[in-house]
Amino acid sequence: MKKIIYLLAAGLLALTACNKEILPHGEAASDNGDLQRVTLNFATAEPVTLSTKANGLSHSADNFIDRLDIYVFKNGSSTCSEHIVKTDASGIDLSTVSYTDYDVKGTSFVFMVLANLDAATADYLAGLTTSQLVSYDGGLIILSEGNFRLHKPIMGGSNYCSLGRNNYSSSDTGDRTLTITLHRYCARMEIEKITANFDDASYMNKDVIVKRIAWINQPTALRPFMKWPEGYVQDYACVVFGSRSTYNRETEFGRLEYEDGYHYYETNCIYHGWTNIQTDKIDLSAYGATGSLAAEFPYQLNNNFELERGALNVDATGDRLTATTHSFLGDEGRICSSTNPSQSHVLNVNKEFYVFPMYMNGYSTYMCTEFQGQDNTMKLVIEVEIDGQTYFYPIRALYIQPESVYKIHNITIKGIGSPYSNFYLKKYEGSLSAVSVGDWTDLEVDNIDLGYSDYGGTNIY
């Protein structure tokens, strides 16, 4: 049987499929007789709408693609039958990309598409089985190995079809045209300003300097597909982001309200069950990884879990360092002064950060009764120096929604922070009722006898 694949787009074309012939549409249609056609079109996701401080990511922001990997699985096979690669250093216009294949009635296709991968990672994923692609740790993308670049986010999408008419009386030709929507895995966090407004007014005239902003406890790897996209799936985004769950706005970062009442809660979940992410490592060599991918990687970077007092760990490098941290040099971060009464108490930050939402079971909050009670969930931490002493202000970032821009208009400092970067040590307070002095009580003793003999004949003096 003669099989033909089209990948139509301007720019450089690289095919890693098996001897596929590239032909014009018309010639392909005439040469293939009764074979039926599947055609893929591509698009980026519609913006996510969040109704308070967060706005959906627009089509024009962070949508640059210079590499597109299409993985084709046929007839329930557990291995990839075709791996098609499109690259263009100047950027790929998805509206110009179309993939077409022909096969007999009843042939089923599963398409998995990823954008902006490193070449070594893309080839590694092509060698995995379907069960490995959705597994721990096989189907993980190591972000530090060329898979995170600012403004070129990793995107993923999938779709499924089966060729052939549903019934003979139908006007359906049996051909299929699918659109694969690419979803960005990251969230963009924009912080506009930090304001000092201490409850204790005396601190407004002390030396208060913001030193650093950091997103801590970040995932090292990305799990691109949470389940295998075979058969009918109502919302293909759930393959990328995981299942959807109702939210509890009291635990949401920023206490946001989602218009449809749901959010994706397993996004980028990279470890399973009770894995100890502080000591365990990701090792893809067991799944056939070679080269730089065949190494041990920690589960988290910027890991501050159970860190000692006064310490903030930032071990991200390259673009991920830029994406997760910002330092204020010298007096750049000053918001209160002991010598300048006209010092502005507002620090204009106007910085953007990029984080990968990660679902983790957090059984406590960032305010703990003891050191051992802290969790390792993702947090936004503001490091502040007050009269020469370092304090941290951790904000727990649970249930971050992927493919969204969070516009944090203001963060207000109202009290003294924590000596720990990962949690607040909970302080207890109580109130006393009114204090008074009671009256004396009169007790009269009539007589005490001394010097008599008791029952045993023992004298008592």
Foldseek 3Di string as FASTA:
>chain_A
DQKAKEWFFPDDWDWPADPHDYDDPVVVVVVPPLWAKEKEAEAADDFAPFPDQWTTFDCVFLPFFFKKWKFKDKDPFQATNTITMHGDPVGTDRRRTMMMIIDHAFMKIKIKMKTQADPLLSVQLNGGTQVLCQDPPRVKAQCVPRQDDPSNAMWIWMAMDGFDDPDPVDPDSRHYYYYTYIFGQKEKEWEFKEFEDAPPCVLLQFWKFFFKKFWAFAFRIFRQANHGHYDDDPDRVCRGQNDKDFDDLVPAQVSIARPVRIFRAARRARDDDPDDLVPAWGANVVSPRDDPNRDTHGGTAQFQQLNDFQDGGHDDDDPQSLQGMDGDPDRLGTQHHNPDPPRHRMRGDRGMHMGRAHHDDQPDDLAEQDSVNFDGAIWIKTWMATNNDIFIDTDGHHRDHGSMYRYRHYHYDHHTHDRGHRHHNDDDDDDDDDDDDDDDDDDDDDDDDAFDADPVRDTGD
